[in-house]
Amino acid sequence: MKPSKDITRLIEIMAALRTPGTGCPWDLEQDFASIAPYTLEEAYEVVDAIERGDMADLRDELGDLLLQVVFHARMAEERGAFAFPDVVEAITKKLIRRHPHVFGAIKDLSPEAVKHLWDSIKAEEKAERRAARETMGQGPEPHESGFLGGIPTALPALTRAQKLTTKAAKVGFDWPEAVQVIDKIHEELEEVKEASSSGKPDRIEDEIGDLLFSVTNLARHFGIDPERALRRTNAKFERRFKAIEKALGERDSSLDEASLEEMEELWVAAKLAEREPGSSS
């Protein structure tokens, strides 16, 4: 079987991998649950390639992510649920429906009006799904119930917190000013201090969770993606720590041998070396 730019070849390869007797033993033993972590991992690797500006890597990572879609679709087809063409039809139908200003009679909308229209159409789709489930004698899906329904529980915690507060803000449940969120963060930090003296891990965990939630809410007020902000800080921490390691090596020393004071000195040096004029990072 030869590679091809045609999506049909990828679907054929996936089918061959999942064919009992002649397929791949590892691929054959997989199911939706076992593949789901790989799906998340591939999505993150796409984001990583984008943030590094590596187009060659992005091409490959998008291919890996596409494979995940084909893999899930193949397993669904084997169950008689749906196949890859149904996935394509579902997303094209959704895009056409949610863009009447492009594919319909509605024209000349502002970006804000487009966002409002998108939310309105999504609400209609949610109501239709609920009605369909009731017709089939099924109750509402747990994650679909209530005003905050529809926000997947499998999202990264920071992203889900941001989406929860964004949705709650639509009905006025929000701090009007960012400074009020900052005050709330100080309040939550004090509660973390109080909890830490209790020696109760569950209570400490709850209070740290409240603190992180408030920080995420602050990021939303400033239009900052908390996941992206934390990824940038992770990269910054890793970069500066590597600088410490390198500097110690130049002194014929190592991380195990260095004192905290020496590492802190090298950290400050690394920070000053990379700081741009006017930066406060």
C-alpha atoms as a PDB file:
ATOM      1  CA  MET A   1       0.000   0.000   0.000  1.00  0.00           C
ATOM      2  CA  LYS A   2       1.483   3.351  -1.079  1.00  0.00           C
ATOM      3  CA  PRO A   3       1.085   6.720   0.660  1.00  0.00           C
ATOM      4  CA  SER A   4      -1.242   9.249  -0.923  1.00  0.00           C
ATOM      5  CA  LYS A   5      -2.562  12.788  -0.476  1.00  0.00           C
ATOM      6  CA  ASP A   6      -6.085  11.401  -0.773  1.00  0.00           C
ATOM      7  CA  ILE A   7      -7.949  11.013   2.546  1.00  0.00           C
ATOM      8  CA  THR A   8      -9.385   7.755   1.177  1.00  0.00           C
ATOM      9  CA  ARG A   9      -5.973   6.093   1.434  1.00  0.00           C
ATOM     10  CA  LEU A  10      -5.690   7.017   5.125  1.00  0.00           C
ATOM     11  CA  ILE A  11      -9.124   5.490   5.759  1.00  0.00           C
ATOM     12  CA  GLU A  12      -8.059   2.334   3.891  1.00  0.00           C
ATOM     13  CA  ILE A  13      -4.865   2.069   5.950  1.00  0.00           C
ATOM     14  CA  MET A  14      -6.814   2.431   9.183  1.00  0.00           C
ATOM     15  CA  ALA A  15      -9.236  -0.273   8.058  1.00  0.00           C
ATOM     16  CA  ALA A  16      -6.303  -2.584   7.256  1.00  0.00           C
ATOM     17  CA  LEU A  17      -4.776  -1.968  10.692  1.00  0.00           C
ATOM     18  CA  ARG A  18      -8.097  -2.901  12.323  1.00  0.00           C
ATOM     19  CA  THR A  19      -8.769  -6.012  10.229  1.00  0.00           C
ATOM     20  CA  PRO A  20      -8.812  -9.125  12.465  1.00  0.00           C
ATOM     21  CA  GLY A  21      -6.231 -11.725  11.527  1.00  0.00           C
ATOM     22  CA  THR A  22      -4.133  -9.511   9.255  1.00  0.00           C
ATOM     23  CA  GLY A  23      -4.139  -6.168  11.074  1.00  0.00           C
ATOM     24  CA  CYS A  24      -1.925  -4.770  13.823  1.00  0.00           C
ATOM     25  CA  PRO A  25      -2.392  -6.530  17.205  1.00  0.00           C
ATOM     26  CA  TRP A  26      -1.973  -3.242  19.111  1.00  0.00           C
ATOM     27  CA  ASP A  27      -4.458  -1.326  16.968  1.00  0.00           C
ATOM     28  CA  LEU A  28      -6.957  -4.174  17.181  1.00  0.00           C
ATOM     29  CA  GLU A  29      -7.051  -4.213  20.964  1.00  0.00           C
ATOM     30  CA  GLN A  30      -7.782  -0.477  21.260  1.00  0.00           C
ATOM     31  CA  ASP A  31     -11.164   1.081  22.005  1.00  0.00           C
ATOM     32  CA  PHE A  32     -12.495   4.622  22.382  1.00  0.00           C
ATOM     33  CA  ALA A  33     -11.386   4.909  26.000  1.00  0.00           C
ATOM     34  CA  SER A  34      -7.854   3.636  25.410  1.00  0.00           C
ATOM     35  CA  ILE A  35      -7.331   5.932  22.412  1.00  0.00           C
ATOM     36  CA  ALA A  36      -8.802   9.075  24.045  1.00  0.00           C
ATOM     37  CA  PRO A  37      -5.563   9.995  25.928  1.00  0.00           C
ATOM     38  CA  TYR A  38      -3.626   9.842  22.649  1.00  0.00           C
ATOM     39  CA  THR A  39      -6.206  12.118  21.042  1.00  0.00           C
ATOM     40  CA  LEU A  40      -5.632  14.728  23.749  1.00  0.00           C
ATOM     41  CA  GLU A  41      -1.864  14.317  23.519  1.00  0.00           C
ATOM     42  CA  GLU A  42      -1.847  14.834  19.756  1.00  0.00           C
ATOM     43  CA  ALA A  43      -3.971  17.985  20.109  1.00  0.00           C
ATOM     44  CA  TYR A  44      -1.447  19.401  22.581  1.00  0.00           C
ATOM     45  CA  GLU A  45       1.421  18.540  20.242  1.00  0.00           C
ATOM     46  CA  VAL A  46      -0.308  20.510  17.495  1.00  0.00           C
ATOM     47  CA  VAL A  47      -0.471  23.511  19.836  1.00  0.00           C
ATOM     48  CA  ASP A  48       3.186  23.034  20.767  1.00  0.00           C
ATOM     49  CA  ALA A  49       4.251  23.064  17.110  1.00  0.00           C
ATOM     50  CA  ILE A  50       2.225  26.243  16.530  1.00  0.00           C
ATOM     51  CA  GLU A  51       3.792  28.011  19.494  1.00  0.00           C
ATOM     52  CA  ARG A  52       7.273  27.014  18.318  1.00  0.00           C
ATOM     53  CA  GLY A  53       6.493  28.235  14.803  1.00  0.00           C
ATOM     54  CA  ASP A  54       7.656  24.894  13.358  1.00  0.00           C
ATOM     55  CA  MET A  55       5.645  24.420  10.157  1.00  0.00           C
ATOM     56  CA  ALA A  56       7.209  21.066   9.255  1.00  0.00           C
ATOM     57  CA  ASP A  57       6.402  19.725  12.687  1.00  0.00           C
ATOM     58  CA  LEU A  58       2.909  21.242  12.509  1.00  0.00           C
ATOM     59  CA  ARG A  59       2.255  19.355   9.269  1.00  0.00           C
ATOM     60  CA  ASP A  60       3.248  16.081  10.908  1.00  0.00           C
ATOM     61  CA  GLU A  61       1.332  16.752  14.123  1.00  0.00           C
ATOM     62  CA  LEU A  62      -1.835  17.668  12.215  1.00  0.00           C
ATOM     63  CA  GLY A  63      -1.464  14.331  10.442  1.00  0.00           C
ATOM     64  CA  ASP A  64      -1.216  12.562  13.792  1.00  0.00           C
ATOM     65  CA  LEU A  65      -4.327  14.383  14.991  1.00  0.00           C
ATOM     66  CA  LEU A  66      -6.191  13.484  11.792  1.00  0.00           C
ATOM     67  CA  LEU A  67      -5.249   9.856  12.397  1.00  0.00           C
ATOM     68  CA  GLN A  68      -7.034  10.061  15.751  1.00  0.00           C
ATOM     69  CA  VAL A  69     -10.238  11.183  14.016  1.00  0.00           C
ATOM     70  CA  VAL A  70      -9.963   8.367  11.476  1.00  0.00           C
ATOM     71  CA  PHE A  71      -9.212   5.850  14.259  1.00  0.00           C
ATOM     72  CA  HIS A  72     -12.318   6.808  16.263  1.00  0.00           C
ATOM     73  CA  ALA A  73     -14.459   6.846  13.128  1.00  0.00           C
ATOM     74  CA  ARG A  74     -13.260   3.365  12.155  1.00  0.00           C
ATOM     75  CA  MET A  75     -14.113   1.937  15.577  1.00  0.00           C
ATOM     76  CA  ALA A  76     -17.562   3.542  15.350  1.00  0.00           C
ATOM     77  CA  GLU A  77     -18.050   2.067  11.891  1.00  0.00           C
ATOM     78  CA  GLU A  78     -17.207  -1.386  13.239  1.00  0.00           C
ATOM     79  CA  ARG A  79     -20.011  -0.941  15.769  1.00  0.00           C
ATOM     80  CA  GLY A  80     -22.422   0.199  13.084  1.00  0.00           C
ATOM     81  CA  ALA A  81     -22.740   3.641  14.697  1.00  0.00           C
ATOM     82  CA  PHE A  82     -21.263   5.933  12.021  1.00  0.00           C
ATOM     83  CA  ALA A  83     -18.330   6.154   9.614  1.00  0.00           C
ATOM     84  CA  PHE A  84     -15.813   8.807   8.568  1.00  0.00           C
ATOM     85  CA  PRO A  85     -18.081  10.285   5.841  1.00  0.00           C
ATOM     86  CA  ASP A  86     -20.734  10.843   8.516  1.00  0.00           C
ATOM     87  CA  VAL A  87     -18.203  12.802  10.572  1.00  0.00           C
ATOM     88  CA  VAL A  88     -17.424  14.995   7.554  1.00  0.00           C
ATOM     89  CA  GLU A  89     -21.112  15.485   6.829  1.00  0.00           C
ATOM     90  CA  ALA A  90     -21.818  16.438  10.445  1.00  0.00           C
ATOM     91  CA  ILE A  91     -19.138  19.130  10.581  1.00  0.00           C
ATOM     92  CA  THR A  92     -19.944  20.567   7.138  1.00  0.00           C
ATOM     93  CA  LYS A  93     -23.628  20.709   8.070  1.00  0.00           C
ATOM     94  CA  LYS A  94     -22.756  22.458  11.321  1.00  0.00           C
ATOM     95  CA  LEU A  95     -20.469  25.009   9.650  1.00  0.00           C
ATOM     96  CA  ILE A  96     -23.059  25.884   7.006  1.00  0.00           C
ATOM     97  CA  ARG A  97     -25.787  26.244   9.628  1.00  0.00           C
ATOM     98  CA  ARG A  98     -23.652  28.384  11.940  1.00  0.00           C
ATOM     99  CA  HIS A  99     -22.548  30.737   9.139  1.00  0.00           C
ATOM    100  CA  PRO A 100     -25.774  32.008   7.550  1.00  0.00           C
ATOM    101  CA  HIS A 101     -23.938  35.307   7.018  1.00  0.00           C
ATOM    102  CA  VAL A 102     -21.648  33.453   4.589  1.00  0.00           C
ATOM    103  CA  PHE A 103     -23.851  30.722   3.135  1.00  0.00           C
ATOM    104  CA  GLY A 104     -27.278  32.311   3.628  1.00  0.00           C
ATOM    105  CA  ALA A 105     -29.167  35.564   3.189  1.00  0.00           C
ATOM    106  CA  ILE A 106     -27.772  37.360   6.260  1.00  0.00           C
ATOM    107  CA  LYS A 107     -25.005  39.757   5.249  1.00  0.00           C
ATOM    108  CA  ASP A 108     -22.722  42.509   6.576  1.00  0.00           C
ATOM    109  CA  LEU A 109     -22.517  41.422  10.215  1.00  0.00           C
ATOM    110  CA  SER A 110     -19.953  42.796  12.645  1.00  0.00           C
ATOM    111  CA  PRO A 111     -17.647  40.327  14.446  1.00  0.00           C
ATOM    112  CA  GLU A 112     -19.697  40.855  17.634  1.00  0.00           C
ATOM    113  CA  ALA A 113     -22.953  40.178  15.776  1.00  0.00           C
ATOM    114  CA  VAL A 114     -21.429  37.017  14.309  1.00  0.00           C
ATOM    115  CA  LYS A 115     -20.507  35.850  17.816  1.00  0.00           C
ATOM    116  CA  HIS A 116     -24.039  36.523  19.066  1.00  0.00           C
ATOM    117  CA  LEU A 117     -25.513  34.669  16.086  1.00  0.00           C
ATOM    118  CA  TRP A 118     -23.164  31.725  16.671  1.00  0.00           C
ATOM    119  CA  ASP A 119     -24.252  31.464  20.321  1.00  0.00           C
ATOM    120  CA  SER A 120     -27.908  31.665  19.336  1.00  0.00           C
ATOM    121  CA  ILE A 121     -27.577  28.869  16.776  1.00  0.00           C
ATOM    122  CA  LYS A 122     -25.631  26.700  19.247  1.00  0.00           C
ATOM    123  CA  ALA A 123     -28.463  27.167  21.759  1.00  0.00           C
ATOM    124  CA  GLU A 124     -30.973  26.040  19.130  1.00  0.00           C
ATOM    125  CA  GLU A 125     -28.866  22.967  18.360  1.00  0.00           C
ATOM    126  CA  LYS A 126     -28.646  22.139  22.066  1.00  0.00           C
ATOM    127  CA  ALA A 127     -32.443  22.350  22.380  1.00  0.00           C
ATOM    128  CA  GLU A 128     -32.866  20.096  19.344  1.00  0.00           C
ATOM    129  CA  ARG A 129     -30.491  17.496  20.801  1.00  0.00           C
ATOM    130  CA  ARG A 130     -32.396  17.570  24.081  1.00  0.00           C
ATOM    131  CA  ALA A 131     -35.714  17.104  22.267  1.00  0.00           C
ATOM    132  CA  ALA A 132     -34.288  14.224  20.245  1.00  0.00           C
ATOM    133  CA  ARG A 133     -33.107  12.464  23.399  1.00  0.00           C
ATOM    134  CA  GLU A 134     -36.531  12.906  25.002  1.00  0.00           C
ATOM    135  CA  THR A 135     -38.188  11.463  21.889  1.00  0.00           C
ATOM    136  CA  MET A 136     -35.976   8.383  22.231  1.00  0.00           C
ATOM    137  CA  GLY A 137     -36.913   8.108  25.906  1.00  0.00           C
ATOM    138  CA  GLN A 138     -33.490   9.238  27.119  1.00  0.00           C
ATOM    139  CA  GLY A 139     -32.876  11.805  29.817  1.00  0.00           C
ATOM    140  CA  PRO A 140     -30.579  14.802  29.386  1.00  0.00           C
ATOM    141  CA  GLU A 141     -26.868  14.176  29.343  1.00  0.00           C
ATOM    142  CA  PRO A 142     -25.329  15.175  32.706  1.00  0.00           C
ATOM    143  CA  HIS A 143     -22.905  17.646  31.135  1.00  0.00           C
ATOM    144  CA  GLU A 144     -25.716  19.207  29.074  1.00  0.00           C
ATOM    145  CA  SER A 145     -28.059  20.037  31.958  1.00  0.00           C
ATOM    146  CA  GLY A 146     -28.425  23.549  33.379  1.00  0.00           C
ATOM    147  CA  PHE A 147     -27.236  26.884  32.049  1.00  0.00           C
ATOM    148  CA  LEU A 148     -23.594  25.837  32.342  1.00  0.00           C
ATOM    149  CA  GLY A 149     -24.232  22.602  30.487  1.00  0.00           C
ATOM    150  CA  GLY A 150     -22.324  21.709  27.351  1.00  0.00           C
ATOM    151  CA  ILE A 151     -18.844  22.506  28.683  1.00  0.00           C
ATOM    152  CA  PRO A 152     -16.917  19.206  28.413  1.00  0.00           C
ATOM    153  CA  THR A 153     -15.594  17.887  31.714  1.00  0.00           C
ATOM    154  CA  ALA A 154     -12.502  16.487  29.969  1.00  0.00           C
ATOM    155  CA  LEU A 155     -11.172  19.948  29.132  1.00  0.00           C
ATOM    156  CA  PRO A 156      -8.000  21.082  30.918  1.00  0.00           C
ATOM    157  CA  ALA A 157      -9.068  22.514  34.276  1.00  0.00           C
ATOM    158  CA  LEU A 158      -7.885  26.064  33.532  1.00  0.00           C
ATOM    159  CA  THR A 159      -9.667  26.122  30.175  1.00  0.00           C
ATOM    160  CA  ARG A 160     -12.876  24.737  31.680  1.00  0.00           C
ATOM    161  CA  ALA A 161     -12.764  27.282  34.503  1.00  0.00           C
ATOM    162  CA  GLN A 162     -12.427  30.054  31.933  1.00  0.00           C
ATOM    163  CA  LYS A 163     -15.381  28.737  29.932  1.00  0.00           C
ATOM    164  CA  LEU A 164     -17.533  28.353  33.050  1.00  0.00           C
ATOM    165  CA  THR A 165     -16.936  31.944  34.165  1.00  0.00           C
ATOM    166  CA  THR A 166     -17.395  33.243  30.609  1.00  0.00           C
ATOM    167  CA  LYS A 167     -20.769  31.558  30.352  1.00  0.00           C
ATOM    168  CA  ALA A 168     -21.863  32.702  33.835  1.00  0.00           C
ATOM    169  CA  ALA A 169     -20.870  36.261  32.914  1.00  0.00           C
ATOM    170  CA  LYS A 170     -23.404  36.216  30.080  1.00  0.00           C
ATOM    171  CA  VAL A 171     -26.206  36.384  32.664  1.00  0.00           C
ATOM    172  CA  GLY A 172     -24.421  38.968  34.812  1.00  0.00           C
ATOM    173  CA  PHE A 173     -22.790  36.607  37.322  1.00  0.00           C
ATOM    174  CA  ASP A 174     -19.404  38.279  37.199  1.00  0.00           C
ATOM    175  CA  TRP A 175     -17.239  40.892  38.882  1.00  0.00           C
ATOM    176  CA  PRO A 176     -17.665  44.130  36.895  1.00  0.00           C
ATOM    177  CA  GLU A 177     -14.042  45.192  37.331  1.00  0.00           C
ATOM    178  CA  ALA A 178     -10.760  43.277  37.236  1.00  0.00           C
ATOM    179  CA  VAL A 179      -9.633  44.959  40.462  1.00  0.00           C
ATOM    180  CA  GLN A 180     -12.470  43.180  42.268  1.00  0.00           C
ATOM    181  CA  VAL A 181     -11.131  39.848  41.024  1.00  0.00           C
ATOM    182  CA  ILE A 182      -7.690  40.822  42.291  1.00  0.00           C
ATOM    183  CA  ASP A 183      -9.207  41.515  45.712  1.00  0.00           C
ATOM    184  CA  LYS A 184     -10.852  38.088  45.548  1.00  0.00           C
ATOM    185  CA  ILE A 185      -7.481  36.508  44.789  1.00  0.00           C
ATOM    186  CA  HIS A 186      -5.998  38.127  47.903  1.00  0.00           C
ATOM    187  CA  GLU A 187      -8.956  36.803  49.893  1.00  0.00           C
ATOM    188  CA  GLU A 188      -8.485  33.298  48.530  1.00  0.00           C
ATOM    189  CA  LEU A 189      -4.757  33.433  49.249  1.00  0.00           C
ATOM    190  CA  GLU A 190      -5.489  34.271  52.883  1.00  0.00           C
ATOM    191  CA  GLU A 191      -7.823  31.275  53.019  1.00  0.00           C
ATOM    192  CA  VAL A 192      -5.031  29.086  51.671  1.00  0.00           C
ATOM    193  CA  LYS A 193      -2.801  30.324  54.492  1.00  0.00           C
ATOM    194  CA  GLU A 194      -5.498  29.522  57.047  1.00  0.00           C
ATOM    195  CA  ALA A 195      -6.077  26.075  55.546  1.00  0.00           C
ATOM    196  CA  SER A 196      -2.348  25.303  55.541  1.00  0.00           C
ATOM    197  CA  SER A 197      -2.252  25.675  59.320  1.00  0.00           C
ATOM    198  CA  SER A 198      -5.090  23.165  59.689  1.00  0.00           C
ATOM    199  CA  GLY A 199      -2.985  20.307  58.373  1.00  0.00           C
ATOM    200  CA  LYS A 200      -5.997  18.950  56.459  1.00  0.00           C
ATOM    201  CA  PRO A 201      -5.021  18.073  52.852  1.00  0.00           C
ATOM    202  CA  ASP A 202      -8.625  18.134  51.546  1.00  0.00           C
ATOM    203  CA  ARG A 203      -9.214  21.616  52.898  1.00  0.00           C
ATOM    204  CA  ILE A 204      -5.892  22.871  51.522  1.00  0.00           C
ATOM    205  CA  GLU A 205      -6.731  21.371  48.138  1.00  0.00           C
ATOM    206  CA  ASP A 206     -10.132  23.071  48.118  1.00  0.00           C
ATOM    207  CA  GLU A 207      -8.659  26.459  48.923  1.00  0.00           C
ATOM    208  CA  ILE A 208      -5.865  26.157  46.349  1.00  0.00           C
ATOM    209  CA  GLY A 209      -8.531  25.199  43.812  1.00  0.00           C
ATOM    210  CA  ASP A 210     -10.485  28.355  44.715  1.00  0.00           C
ATOM    211  CA  LEU A 211      -7.310  30.412  44.294  1.00  0.00           C
ATOM    212  CA  LEU A 212      -6.565  28.925  40.865  1.00  0.00           C
ATOM    213  CA  PHE A 213     -10.176  29.467  39.790  1.00  0.00           C
ATOM    214  CA  SER A 214      -9.975  33.133  40.785  1.00  0.00           C
ATOM    215  CA  VAL A 215      -6.672  33.586  38.932  1.00  0.00           C
ATOM    216  CA  THR A 216      -8.244  32.026  35.847  1.00  0.00           C
ATOM    217  CA  ASN A 217     -11.153  34.437  36.184  1.00  0.00           C
ATOM    218  CA  LEU A 218      -8.686  37.344  36.319  1.00  0.00           C
ATOM    219  CA  ALA A 219      -7.032  36.116  33.119  1.00  0.00           C
ATOM    220  CA  ARG A 220     -10.448  36.124  31.430  1.00  0.00           C
ATOM    221  CA  HIS A 221     -11.064  39.730  32.508  1.00  0.00           C
ATOM    222  CA  PHE A 222      -7.871  40.734  30.718  1.00  0.00           C
ATOM    223  CA  GLY A 223      -8.632  38.592  27.651  1.00  0.00           C
ATOM    224  CA  ILE A 224      -5.783  36.226  28.472  1.00  0.00           C
ATOM    225  CA  ASP A 225      -5.927  32.488  27.774  1.00  0.00           C
ATOM    226  CA  PRO A 226      -4.799  30.985  31.122  1.00  0.00           C
ATOM    227  CA  GLU A 227      -3.582  27.759  29.498  1.00  0.00           C
ATOM    228  CA  ARG A 228      -1.388  29.677  27.070  1.00  0.00           C
ATOM    229  CA  ALA A 229      -0.139  31.960  29.838  1.00  0.00           C
ATOM    230  CA  LEU A 230       0.858  28.999  31.996  1.00  0.00           C
ATOM    231  CA  ARG A 231       2.501  27.213  29.049  1.00  0.00           C
ATOM    232  CA  ARG A 232       4.590  30.327  28.425  1.00  0.00           C
ATOM    233  CA  THR A 233       5.596  30.440  32.076  1.00  0.00           C
ATOM    234  CA  ASN A 234       6.434  26.728  32.027  1.00  0.00           C
ATOM    235  CA  ALA A 235       8.695  27.328  29.037  1.00  0.00           C
ATOM    236  CA  LYS A 236      10.267  30.319  30.777  1.00  0.00           C
ATOM    237  CA  PHE A 237      10.920  28.306  33.934  1.00  0.00           C
ATOM    238  CA  GLU A 238      12.465  25.475  31.922  1.00  0.00           C
ATOM    239  CA  ARG A 239      14.625  27.879  29.921  1.00  0.00           C
ATOM    240  CA  ARG A 240      15.980  29.630  33.012  1.00  0.00           C
ATOM    241  CA  PHE A 241      16.539  26.378  34.870  1.00  0.00           C
ATOM    242  CA  LYS A 242      18.578  25.099  31.930  1.00  0.00           C
ATOM    243  CA  ALA A 243      20.617  28.309  32.148  1.00  0.00           C
ATOM    244  CA  ILE A 244      21.329  27.518  35.816  1.00  0.00           C
ATOM    245  CA  GLU A 245      22.418  24.009  34.874  1.00  0.00           C
ATOM    246  CA  LYS A 246      24.667  25.315  32.114  1.00  0.00           C
ATOM    247  CA  ALA A 247      26.241  27.972  34.334  1.00  0.00           C
ATOM    248  CA  LEU A 248      26.948  25.403  37.027  1.00  0.00           C
ATOM    249  CA  GLY A 249      28.591  23.156  34.461  1.00  0.00           C
ATOM    250  CA  GLU A 250      30.857  26.031  33.429  1.00  0.00           C
ATOM    251  CA  ARG A 251      31.891  26.256  37.089  1.00  0.00           C
ATOM    252  CA  ASP A 252      32.611  22.502  37.169  1.00  0.00           C
ATOM    253  CA  SER A 253      29.648  22.119  39.517  1.00  0.00           C
ATOM    254  CA  SER A 254      26.247  20.443  39.309  1.00  0.00           C
ATOM    255  CA  LEU A 255      22.675  20.831  40.514  1.00  0.00           C
ATOM    256  CA  ASP A 256      23.287  18.319  43.299  1.00  0.00           C
ATOM    257  CA  GLU A 257      26.298  20.241  44.556  1.00  0.00           C
ATOM    258  CA  ALA A 258      24.902  23.775  44.288  1.00  0.00           C
ATOM    259  CA  SER A 259      23.238  25.524  47.215  1.00  0.00           C
ATOM    260  CA  LEU A 260      19.835  27.161  46.939  1.00  0.00           C
ATOM    261  CA  GLU A 261      21.502  30.560  47.261  1.00  0.00           C
ATOM    262  CA  GLU A 262      23.847  29.816  44.354  1.00  0.00           C
ATOM    263  CA  MET A 263      20.990  28.582  42.155  1.00  0.00           C
ATOM    264  CA  GLU A 264      18.907  31.634  43.041  1.00  0.00           C
ATOM    265  CA  GLU A 265      21.819  33.890  42.041  1.00  0.00           C
ATOM    266  CA  LEU A 266      22.109  32.130  38.687  1.00  0.00           C
ATOM    267  CA  TRP A 267      18.325  32.290  38.227  1.00  0.00           C
ATOM    268  CA  VAL A 268      18.393  36.064  38.650  1.00  0.00           C
ATOM    269  CA  ALA A 269      21.296  36.285  36.199  1.00  0.00           C
ATOM    270  CA  ALA A 270      19.369  34.225  33.623  1.00  0.00           C
ATOM    271  CA  LYS A 271      16.308  36.389  34.164  1.00  0.00           C
ATOM    272  CA  LEU A 272      18.261  39.602  33.622  1.00  0.00           C
ATOM    273  CA  ALA A 273      20.018  38.166  30.555  1.00  0.00           C
ATOM    274  CA  GLU A 274      16.773  37.432  28.717  1.00  0.00           C
ATOM    275  CA  ARG A 275      14.675  40.351  29.926  1.00  0.00           C
ATOM    276  CA  GLU A 276      13.633  42.730  27.184  1.00  0.00           C
ATOM    277  CA  PRO A 277      13.626  46.508  27.765  1.00  0.00           C
ATOM    278  CA  GLY A 278      10.476  47.446  29.663  1.00  0.00           C
ATOM    279  CA  SER A 279       9.669  43.833  30.594  1.00  0.00           C
ATOM    280  CA  SER A 280       8.625  43.015  34.139  1.00  0.00           C
ATOM    281  CA  SER A 281       8.707  39.210  33.798  1.00  0.00           C
END
